[in-house]
Protein backbone atom coordinates (compact mmCIF):
# COMPACT_ATOMS: atom_id res chain seq x y z
CA MET A 1 8.46 -64.50 -44.00
CA GLY A 2 7.16 -61.21 -45.42
CA SER A 3 3.83 -61.65 -43.66
CA VAL A 4 5.68 -62.27 -40.40
CA CYS A 5 7.63 -59.04 -40.85
CA GLN A 6 4.45 -57.16 -41.67
CA SER A 7 2.77 -58.43 -38.54
CA PHE A 8 5.76 -57.56 -36.35
CA ASP A 9 4.64 -53.97 -35.92
CA ILE A 10 3.23 -54.47 -32.43
CA VAL A 11 5.18 -53.69 -29.26
CA VAL A 12 4.28 -55.16 -25.86
CA ALA A 13 2.34 -52.03 -24.81
CA GLY A 14 0.24 -52.16 -27.96
CA GLU A 15 2.29 -49.38 -29.59
CA THR A 16 3.62 -49.51 -33.13
CA VAL A 17 7.39 -49.55 -33.64
CA GLU A 18 7.11 -46.14 -35.30
CA ASN A 19 5.22 -44.66 -32.33
CA PHE A 20 7.60 -46.31 -29.90
CA LEU A 21 10.60 -44.79 -31.66
CA THR A 22 8.85 -41.40 -31.75
CA THR A 23 8.26 -41.60 -27.99
CA ILE A 24 11.96 -42.36 -27.43
CA LYS A 25 12.94 -39.39 -29.59
CA ILE A 26 10.55 -37.07 -27.73
CA LYS A 27 11.91 -38.20 -24.36
CA TRP A 28 15.44 -37.56 -25.67
CA TRP A 29 14.49 -34.11 -26.95
CA LEU A 30 12.75 -33.24 -23.68
CA PHE A 31 15.79 -34.36 -21.71
CA HIS A 32 18.07 -32.10 -23.76
CA ALA A 33 15.57 -29.20 -23.78
CA ASN A 34 15.35 -29.36 -20.00
CA ARG A 35 19.12 -29.38 -19.64
CA LYS A 36 19.45 -26.33 -21.87
CA ARG A 37 16.56 -24.58 -20.07
CA ARG A 38 18.17 -25.13 -16.68
CA ARG A 39 21.48 -23.79 -18.00
CA GLY A 40 19.71 -20.66 -19.29
CA ILE A 41 20.20 -21.50 -22.99
CA TYR A 42 16.58 -20.79 -23.78
CA LEU A 43 16.79 -20.24 -27.55
CA GLU A 44 18.52 -23.58 -28.04
CA ALA A 45 15.97 -25.21 -25.76
CA LEU A 46 13.18 -23.76 -27.93
CA ASP A 47 14.81 -25.22 -31.07
CA VAL A 48 14.77 -28.68 -29.50
CA LEU A 49 11.19 -28.25 -28.27
CA GLN A 50 10.05 -27.30 -31.78
CA LYS A 51 11.18 -30.74 -32.96
CA ALA A 52 9.28 -32.35 -30.12
CA THR A 53 6.15 -30.31 -30.96
CA LYS A 54 6.23 -31.46 -34.59
CA ALA A 55 6.43 -35.06 -33.45
CA ARG A 56 3.76 -34.69 -30.74
CA PRO A 57 1.65 -31.57 -31.52
CA ASP A 58 -0.88 -32.14 -28.75
CA SER A 59 1.42 -32.53 -25.72
CA ALA A 60 0.53 -30.29 -22.77
CA LEU A 61 3.96 -30.92 -21.24
CA ILE A 62 5.79 -29.71 -24.36
CA PHE A 63 3.59 -26.60 -24.48
CA VAL A 64 4.37 -25.82 -20.83
CA LEU A 65 8.12 -26.24 -21.34
CA THR A 66 7.97 -24.02 -24.44
CA ALA A 67 6.00 -21.38 -22.54
CA SER A 68 8.53 -21.51 -19.68
CA CYS A 69 11.41 -20.76 -22.09
CA LEU A 70 9.49 -17.95 -23.77
CA ALA A 71 8.70 -16.40 -20.39
CA ARG A 72 12.39 -16.48 -19.48
CA LEU A 73 13.07 -14.55 -22.68
CA ASP A 74 10.41 -11.98 -21.67
CA ARG A 75 8.22 -13.10 -24.57
CA HIS A 76 5.25 -13.24 -22.24
CA SER A 77 2.43 -12.87 -24.78
CA GLU A 78 3.76 -15.89 -26.69
CA ALA A 79 4.19 -17.78 -23.42
CA LEU A 80 0.56 -17.03 -22.55
CA ASP A 81 -0.60 -18.65 -25.81
CA PHE A 82 1.34 -21.84 -25.08
CA TYR A 83 0.07 -22.07 -21.48
CA GLU A 84 -3.49 -21.70 -22.76
CA LYS A 85 -2.90 -24.45 -25.34
CA ALA A 86 -1.56 -26.71 -22.60
CA LEU A 87 -4.62 -26.10 -20.41
CA GLN A 88 -7.02 -26.72 -23.31
CA ARG A 89 -5.55 -30.23 -23.48
CA ALA A 90 -5.07 -30.72 -19.73
CA PRO A 91 -7.45 -28.44 -17.74
CA ASP A 92 -6.27 -29.88 -14.38
CA TYR A 93 -2.56 -29.32 -15.01
CA GLY A 94 -1.74 -27.54 -11.73
CA ASP A 95 1.80 -26.47 -12.67
CA ALA A 96 0.51 -24.93 -15.90
CA HIS A 97 -2.06 -22.86 -13.99
CA ALA A 98 0.65 -21.73 -11.55
CA ARG A 99 3.07 -20.65 -14.27
CA LEU A 100 0.25 -19.04 -16.23
CA GLY A 101 -0.30 -16.90 -13.13
CA LEU A 102 3.29 -15.67 -13.24
CA THR A 103 2.89 -14.83 -16.93
CA TYR A 104 -0.29 -12.87 -16.25
CA ARG A 105 1.60 -10.94 -13.56
CA ALA A 106 4.43 -10.14 -15.99
CA LEU A 107 1.78 -8.76 -18.37
CA GLY A 108 0.32 -6.58 -15.60
CA ARG A 109 -2.89 -8.65 -15.39
CA ASN A 110 -2.73 -9.14 -11.64
CA GLN A 111 -6.28 -10.26 -10.90
CA GLU A 112 -6.04 -12.97 -13.57
CA ALA A 113 -2.68 -13.92 -12.09
CA LEU A 114 -4.23 -14.31 -8.65
CA ASP A 115 -7.13 -16.36 -10.04
CA SER A 116 -4.70 -18.68 -11.85
CA LEU A 117 -2.56 -19.24 -8.77
CA ASN A 118 -5.59 -19.91 -6.58
CA ARG A 119 -6.80 -22.44 -9.17
CA ALA A 120 -3.37 -24.07 -9.25
CA PHE A 121 -3.29 -24.53 -5.47
CA ARG A 122 -6.78 -26.01 -5.44
CA ILE A 123 -5.71 -28.56 -8.06
CA LYS A 124 -2.27 -29.24 -6.60
CA PRO A 125 -2.12 -28.21 -2.91
CA GLU A 126 1.41 -29.55 -2.52
CA LEU A 127 2.68 -26.52 -4.46
CA MET A 128 2.19 -24.57 -1.23
CA HIS A 129 4.78 -26.77 0.47
CA HIS A 130 7.62 -25.02 -1.36
CA GLU A 131 8.77 -21.50 -0.47
CA PHE A 132 8.60 -20.20 -4.04
CA TRP A 133 4.88 -20.56 -4.69
CA PRO A 134 3.39 -19.11 -1.48
CA TYR A 135 5.82 -16.21 -1.86
CA GLN A 136 4.56 -15.55 -5.41
CA LEU A 137 0.98 -15.82 -4.15
CA GLY A 138 1.76 -13.26 -1.44
CA LEU A 139 3.23 -10.80 -3.93
CA ILE A 140 0.32 -11.08 -6.36
CA ALA A 141 -2.35 -10.98 -3.63
CA GLY A 142 -0.68 -7.83 -2.28
CA GLU A 143 -0.66 -6.24 -5.72
CA CYS A 144 -4.41 -6.97 -5.85
CA THR A 145 -4.77 -5.42 -2.34
CA GLN A 146 -5.95 -8.77 -0.99
CA TRP A 147 -3.90 -8.19 2.13
CA GLU A 148 -5.32 -10.96 4.32
CA GLN A 149 -4.52 -13.55 1.67
CA ALA A 150 -1.10 -11.98 1.11
CA LEU A 151 -0.35 -12.12 4.84
CA ALA A 152 -1.37 -15.79 5.08
CA ALA A 153 0.81 -16.66 2.06
CA PHE A 154 3.89 -14.91 3.44
CA GLN A 155 3.32 -16.50 6.84
CA LYS A 156 3.35 -19.87 5.06
CA VAL A 157 6.77 -18.99 3.61
CA THR A 158 8.16 -18.28 7.08
CA GLU A 159 6.64 -21.51 8.42
CA ILE A 160 8.50 -23.46 5.74
CA ASN A 161 11.74 -21.55 6.31
CA GLN A 162 12.09 -19.28 9.33
CA LYS A 163 15.27 -17.80 7.83
CA ASN A 164 13.59 -16.59 4.67
CA VAL A 165 14.17 -12.81 4.75
CA ASP A 166 11.80 -12.17 1.84
CA GLY A 167 9.08 -14.07 3.67
CA TRP A 168 9.41 -11.92 6.80
CA HIS A 169 9.59 -8.82 4.61
CA GLY A 170 6.32 -9.91 2.99
CA VAL A 171 4.65 -10.52 6.37
CA GLY A 172 5.65 -7.01 7.43
CA TRP A 173 4.47 -5.46 4.16
CA ALA A 174 1.05 -7.13 4.34
CA ALA A 175 0.58 -6.48 8.07
CA ALA A 176 1.48 -2.80 7.61
CA ASN A 177 -1.18 -2.46 4.90
CA LEU A 178 -3.69 -4.05 7.27
CA ASP A 179 -2.74 -1.42 9.91
CA ARG A 180 -1.42 -4.21 12.13
CA VAL A 181 1.59 -2.08 12.86
CA PRO A 182 3.13 -3.93 15.87
CA GLU A 183 2.89 -7.21 13.93
CA ALA A 184 4.50 -5.56 10.92
CA ALA A 185 7.32 -4.12 13.04
CA ALA A 186 7.97 -7.55 14.62
CA ALA A 187 8.23 -9.13 11.17
CA PHE A 188 10.63 -6.49 9.86
CA LYS A 189 12.67 -6.83 13.03
CA ARG A 190 13.04 -10.57 12.31
CA ALA A 191 14.06 -9.79 8.73
CA ALA A 192 16.56 -7.13 9.87
CA HIS A 193 18.04 -9.57 12.39
CA LEU A 194 18.69 -12.00 9.53
CA MET A 195 20.01 -9.24 7.23
CA PRO A 196 21.18 -6.33 9.42
CA ASN A 197 22.86 -4.41 6.59
CA ASN A 198 19.75 -4.13 4.44
CA ALA A 199 18.84 -0.44 4.16
CA ALA A 200 15.24 -1.08 3.06
CA LEU A 201 14.50 -3.17 6.15
CA GLN A 202 15.95 -0.51 8.45
CA SER A 203 13.89 2.15 6.66
CA TRP A 204 10.69 0.09 7.02
CA LEU A 205 11.36 -0.36 10.73
CA GLY A 206 11.90 3.37 11.14
CA ALA A 207 8.64 4.20 9.38
CA LEU A 208 6.71 1.68 11.47
CA TYR A 209 8.14 2.92 14.76
CA LEU A 210 7.03 6.42 13.72
CA ARG A 211 3.49 5.10 13.24
CA MET A 212 3.71 3.51 16.70
CA GLY A 213 4.66 6.86 18.27
CA ARG A 214 8.25 5.80 19.00
CA PRO A 215 10.28 8.51 17.20
CA LYS A 216 13.50 7.80 19.11
CA ASP A 217 13.54 4.15 18.00
CA ALA A 218 12.47 5.24 14.53
CA LEU A 219 15.35 7.68 14.23
CA ALA A 220 17.94 5.03 15.16
CA HIS A 221 16.79 2.73 12.35
CA LEU A 222 16.37 5.55 9.83
CA GLN A 223 19.87 6.85 10.46
CA GLN A 224 21.21 3.32 10.04
CA SER A 225 19.34 3.09 6.73
CA MET A 226 20.80 6.40 5.56
CA LYS A 227 24.33 5.17 6.34
CA LEU A 228 23.73 2.03 4.31
CA ARG A 229 21.99 3.78 1.40
CA PRO A 230 22.38 7.56 1.52
CA SER A 231 20.69 8.05 -1.85
CA GLU A 232 17.20 6.89 -0.76
CA LEU A 233 15.07 10.04 -0.64
CA HIS A 234 12.11 8.49 1.16
CA THR A 235 14.30 7.80 4.20
CA TYR A 236 15.02 11.54 4.46
CA TRP A 237 11.27 12.18 4.71
CA ASP A 238 10.76 9.82 7.63
CA THR A 239 13.99 11.04 9.28
CA CYS A 240 12.75 14.62 9.00
CA ARG A 241 9.45 13.61 10.62
CA ALA A 242 11.25 11.76 13.41
CA HIS A 243 13.40 14.81 14.19
CA CYS A 244 10.25 16.99 14.25
CA ALA A 245 8.52 14.58 16.64
CA LEU A 246 11.55 14.75 18.94
CA GLY A 247 11.68 18.56 18.73
CA ASN A 248 14.95 18.50 16.79
CA LEU A 249 13.68 21.13 14.36
CA ASP A 250 17.08 22.38 13.20
CA GLN A 251 18.09 18.80 12.38
CA ALA A 252 14.78 18.30 10.58
CA LEU A 253 15.56 21.35 8.44
CA ALA A 254 19.09 20.08 7.77
CA CYS A 255 17.57 16.78 6.66
CA GLY A 256 15.23 18.59 4.24
CA LEU A 257 18.11 20.65 2.83
CA ASP A 258 20.18 17.47 2.39
CA ALA A 259 17.31 15.86 0.48
CA VAL A 260 17.15 18.82 -1.92
CA LYS A 261 20.93 18.76 -2.32
CA LEU A 262 20.83 15.04 -3.04
CA ASP A 263 18.34 15.44 -5.90
CA PRO A 264 17.47 19.06 -6.76
CA GLY A 265 15.20 17.92 -9.57
CA SER A 266 12.99 15.81 -7.33
CA ALA A 267 9.72 17.25 -6.05
CA TYR A 268 10.01 14.83 -3.14
CA GLY A 269 13.01 16.59 -1.58
CA HIS A 270 11.42 20.03 -1.84
CA HIS A 271 8.30 18.59 -0.20
CA PHE A 272 10.39 17.43 2.78
CA LEU A 273 11.99 20.84 3.00
CA ALA A 274 8.57 22.54 3.02
CA TYR A 275 7.45 20.23 5.83
CA ALA A 276 10.53 21.16 7.90
CA TYR A 277 9.97 24.88 7.29
CA SER A 278 6.33 24.49 8.37
CA GLU A 279 7.35 22.78 11.61
CA LEU A 280 9.70 25.70 12.28
CA GLY A 281 6.87 28.18 11.63
CA ARG A 282 8.64 29.54 8.53
CA TYR A 283 5.54 29.39 6.38
CA SER A 284 6.73 31.78 3.66
CA ASP A 285 9.77 29.57 3.12
CA ALA A 286 7.46 26.53 3.18
CA VAL A 287 5.33 28.06 0.41
CA CYS A 288 8.43 28.74 -1.72
CA ALA A 289 9.69 25.19 -1.27
CA ILE A 290 6.35 23.58 -2.07
CA GLN A 291 5.84 25.83 -5.10
CA THR A 292 9.16 24.53 -6.41
CA ALA A 293 7.87 20.99 -5.80
CA THR A 294 4.65 21.67 -7.74
CA ARG A 295 6.65 23.03 -10.68
CA LEU A 296 8.71 19.83 -10.71
CA ASP A 297 5.67 17.60 -10.35
CA PRO A 298 2.41 19.40 -11.17
CA SER A 299 0.38 16.18 -10.99
CA ASP A 300 0.77 15.36 -7.26
CA ALA A 301 -2.37 16.27 -5.27
CA GLU A 302 -0.55 15.95 -1.93
CA LEU A 303 1.84 18.76 -2.91
CA TYR A 304 -1.12 21.10 -3.45
CA CYS A 305 -2.59 20.00 -0.10
CA GLN A 306 0.67 21.03 1.56
CA LEU A 307 0.62 24.32 -0.36
CA ALA A 308 -2.93 24.98 0.83
CA ARG A 309 -1.95 24.28 4.47
CA SER A 310 1.03 26.64 4.29
CA ASN A 311 -1.06 29.41 2.74
CA LEU A 312 -3.67 28.91 5.45
CA LYS A 313 -0.98 29.49 8.08
CA LEU A 314 -0.15 32.76 6.30
CA GLU A 315 -3.87 33.66 6.19
CA SER A 316 -3.54 33.83 2.41
CA LEU A 317 -7.03 32.48 1.78
CA PRO A 318 -7.29 33.08 -2.00
CA ASN A 319 -4.01 31.21 -2.57
CA ALA A 320 -5.08 28.48 -0.15
CA LEU A 321 -8.38 28.12 -2.03
CA ASP A 322 -6.60 27.84 -5.40
CA ALA A 323 -4.25 25.17 -4.03
CA ALA A 324 -7.06 23.17 -2.41
CA ALA A 325 -9.17 23.31 -5.57
CA GLU A 326 -6.20 22.05 -7.60
CA ALA A 327 -5.68 19.23 -5.09
CA VAL A 328 -9.33 18.22 -5.57
CA ARG A 329 -8.91 18.28 -9.34
CA LEU A 330 -5.82 16.09 -9.18
CA GLY A 331 -7.12 13.74 -6.47
CA PRO A 332 -10.90 13.50 -6.90
CA ASP A 333 -11.02 10.08 -5.23
CA SER A 334 -9.14 11.13 -2.09
CA PRO A 335 -11.02 12.65 0.88
CA GLN A 336 -8.19 14.87 2.18
CA PRO A 337 -8.32 17.51 -0.61
CA TYR A 338 -12.06 17.95 0.00
CA VAL A 339 -11.45 18.36 3.75
CA LEU A 340 -8.91 21.10 3.05
CA LEU A 341 -11.21 22.73 0.52
CA GLY A 342 -14.04 22.71 3.06
CA TYR A 343 -11.80 24.26 5.70
CA VAL A 344 -10.72 27.11 3.38
CA LEU A 345 -14.30 27.76 2.26
CA ARG A 346 -15.42 27.83 5.87
CA LYS A 347 -12.73 30.42 6.67
CA GLN A 348 -14.21 32.51 3.84
CA ASP A 349 -17.74 32.15 5.30
CA LYS A 350 -18.84 30.12 2.27
CA TYR A 351 -20.72 27.64 4.42
CA ALA A 352 -22.91 25.94 1.81
CA GLU A 353 -19.89 25.16 -0.36
CA ALA A 354 -17.89 24.06 2.67
CA ILE A 355 -20.67 21.67 3.72
CA ALA A 356 -20.76 20.20 0.20
CA ALA A 357 -16.98 19.63 0.31
CA TYR A 358 -17.17 17.88 3.70
CA ILE A 359 -20.07 15.70 2.58
CA LYS A 360 -18.05 14.65 -0.49
CA ALA A 361 -15.11 13.77 1.77
CA LEU A 362 -17.40 11.60 3.89
CA GLN A 363 -18.80 9.86 0.83
CA LEU A 364 -15.24 8.86 -0.03
CA ASP A 365 -14.33 7.96 3.56
CA PRO A 366 -17.09 7.75 6.20
CA MET A 367 -14.38 7.49 8.87
CA GLN A 368 -13.05 10.98 8.11
CA PHE A 369 -12.89 12.61 11.56
CA GLU A 370 -11.97 16.14 10.43
CA ALA A 371 -14.87 16.31 8.00
CA ARG A 372 -17.41 15.27 10.65
CA ALA A 373 -16.02 17.59 13.33
CA ASN A 374 -15.91 20.58 10.96
CA LEU A 375 -19.43 19.86 9.71
CA GLY A 376 -20.56 19.97 13.32
CA GLU A 377 -18.84 23.33 13.84
CA ILE A 378 -20.61 24.84 10.82
CA TYR A 379 -24.02 23.53 11.89
CA LEU A 380 -23.40 24.82 15.42
CA GLN A 381 -22.50 28.24 14.03
CA GLN A 382 -25.70 28.17 11.92
CA GLN A 383 -27.70 27.14 15.02
CA LYS A 384 -28.72 23.89 13.32
CA TYR A 385 -28.31 22.05 16.59
CA GLU A 386 -29.80 18.68 15.63
CA ASP A 387 -27.54 18.47 12.56
CA ALA A 388 -24.59 19.58 14.68
CA LEU A 389 -25.40 16.91 17.26
CA GLN A 390 -25.40 14.12 14.67
CA ALA A 391 -22.07 15.33 13.23
CA PHE A 392 -20.42 15.64 16.65
CA LEU A 393 -21.69 12.24 17.84
CA ALA A 394 -20.27 10.58 14.71
CA ALA A 395 -16.96 12.41 15.25
CA THR A 396 -16.91 11.38 18.93
CA ASN A 397 -17.28 7.72 17.92
CA LEU A 398 -14.13 8.13 15.84
CA ASN A 399 -12.16 10.05 18.50
CA PRO A 400 -13.80 9.86 21.94
CA HIS A 401 -10.96 11.58 23.80
CA ASP A 402 -10.77 14.84 21.82
CA PRO A 403 -11.44 17.53 24.49
CA GLU A 404 -12.44 20.29 22.07
CA LEU A 405 -14.96 17.96 20.50
CA ARG A 406 -16.39 17.20 23.95
CA VAL A 407 -16.80 20.93 24.59
CA ALA A 408 -18.66 21.32 21.29
CA LEU A 409 -20.88 18.32 22.04
CA GLY A 410 -21.64 19.70 25.52
CA GLU A 411 -22.56 23.06 24.01
CA VAL A 412 -24.97 21.46 21.54
CA TYR A 413 -26.67 19.52 24.32
CA PHE A 414 -26.93 22.77 26.32
CA ARG A 415 -28.42 24.68 23.35
CA LEU A 416 -30.96 21.88 22.88
CA GLY A 417 -31.95 22.10 26.56
CA ARG A 418 -30.57 18.63 27.25
CA ASN A 419 -28.79 19.76 30.42
CA GLU A 420 -28.15 16.35 31.95
CA GLU A 421 -26.24 15.25 28.86
CA ALA A 422 -24.38 18.57 28.80
CA LEU A 423 -23.35 18.00 32.42
CA ALA A 424 -22.25 14.46 31.53
CA GLU A 425 -19.89 15.93 28.92
CA LEU A 426 -18.57 18.42 31.48
CA ASN A 427 -17.87 15.61 33.94
CA GLU A 428 -16.18 13.59 31.18
CA LEU A 429 -13.85 16.53 30.55
CA LYS A 430 -13.08 16.80 34.26
CA GLU A 431 -12.24 13.08 34.38
CA LEU A 432 -9.86 13.66 31.50
CA HIS A 433 -8.31 16.50 33.58
CA SER A 434 -8.88 18.78 30.63
CA PRO A 435 -8.53 22.55 30.94
CA PHE A 436 -11.40 22.71 28.45
CA ALA A 437 -13.77 21.81 31.29
CA ASP A 438 -13.69 25.46 32.39
CA ASP A 439 -14.67 26.59 28.89
CA LEU A 440 -17.76 24.40 28.85
CA ALA A 441 -18.67 25.37 32.43
CA LYS A 442 -18.49 29.10 31.58
CA LEU A 443 -20.62 28.53 28.51
CA MET A 444 -23.23 26.83 30.73
CA ASN A 445 -22.90 29.57 33.38
CA LEU A 446 -21.58 27.04 35.88
CA ASP A 447 -18.64 26.86 38.22
CA SER A 448 -16.78 23.75 37.03
CA SER A 449 -15.41 23.07 40.52
CA SER A 450 -18.92 22.71 41.92
CA THR A 451 -20.41 20.31 39.37
């Protein structure tokens, strides 16, 4: 009888009674841990999962569930360790890769987050059939400035659920960063239709309509946004710009003053106010307002760019130079401070230094129109006509309808003795019905009406 009992340690599946009972226990623990996790009782869920881990220390599933609870408790570094343990045991565990991506994002490691999510979707494509995962992919791709991928992910969200406001918001966000402004506006319009009382959506629409050259439409949405959320400073900025575009300069100034009143300690509001003063031609007031902004936030290069512009309007070249130089120091990777610096140096007849500033701007952004046009002007003034020609041609490719640029290009052709090309520029100006045609004709000693 004893030998029979000893031999009765085999279950049908080939598992010992002890292992079978352990499996039952683990399933019971996992059931309870999942219930507690779904109810948000994460510490209790972790206690249960610890028991399961002791019984089955190599289970990828238990590691993933443990990591999920730790992540919910914002213990992301610990969660990361458990996800990595799970993937060491099950490298093709798609859900583990996906949730590892969210943990990387919480730790600020966005590129690793994107890599993990992409790996998860390759292993388990069906994850993309649920709204949650393509939305997360869109967010992380956007944070990595992978805007095409972000746009495709958000579009997937809206395909799954056309009433998903966050999905349409994401489509608009990605499209705006790709400079696909009409597409972005259409997406935000869909989102605003689904959630008309959302101030952020109205503000986005206003900003996009401004970019599309539709200030009247922009103002309507921006004012709606301000009614819904009057404490959002950025909306005051776009509203101020919309009023300026419509010629409502007194209202633009009132908007700037309201922004300062709303938050006197914010550099942002004083910046708006300076912009409004500049549009009104009150450059001394603009300088005062922007100086207040720089005291509140001495690290913002754009504030010093605005200060340089205002000082230029006052013909205060030393102060403009100081402001532009500070903008370059604070924003060495942005082309605009170098463009401003070059312009100030040119006004001071410091041509070699101005040329160096413009060349630096073009190294940072070869599409910088102002830098190319101003380089051409300096070379023209120095009678370096071939250099001027190359600069003006590059600028013309960027902005073919700028009449002043056409005059300059015509003059260079004329100085080089390339009269046919100079006449072609004159005729182009006449076709544009530009009053600048007379300027070029006089320079060439021609009667513009007879060409």
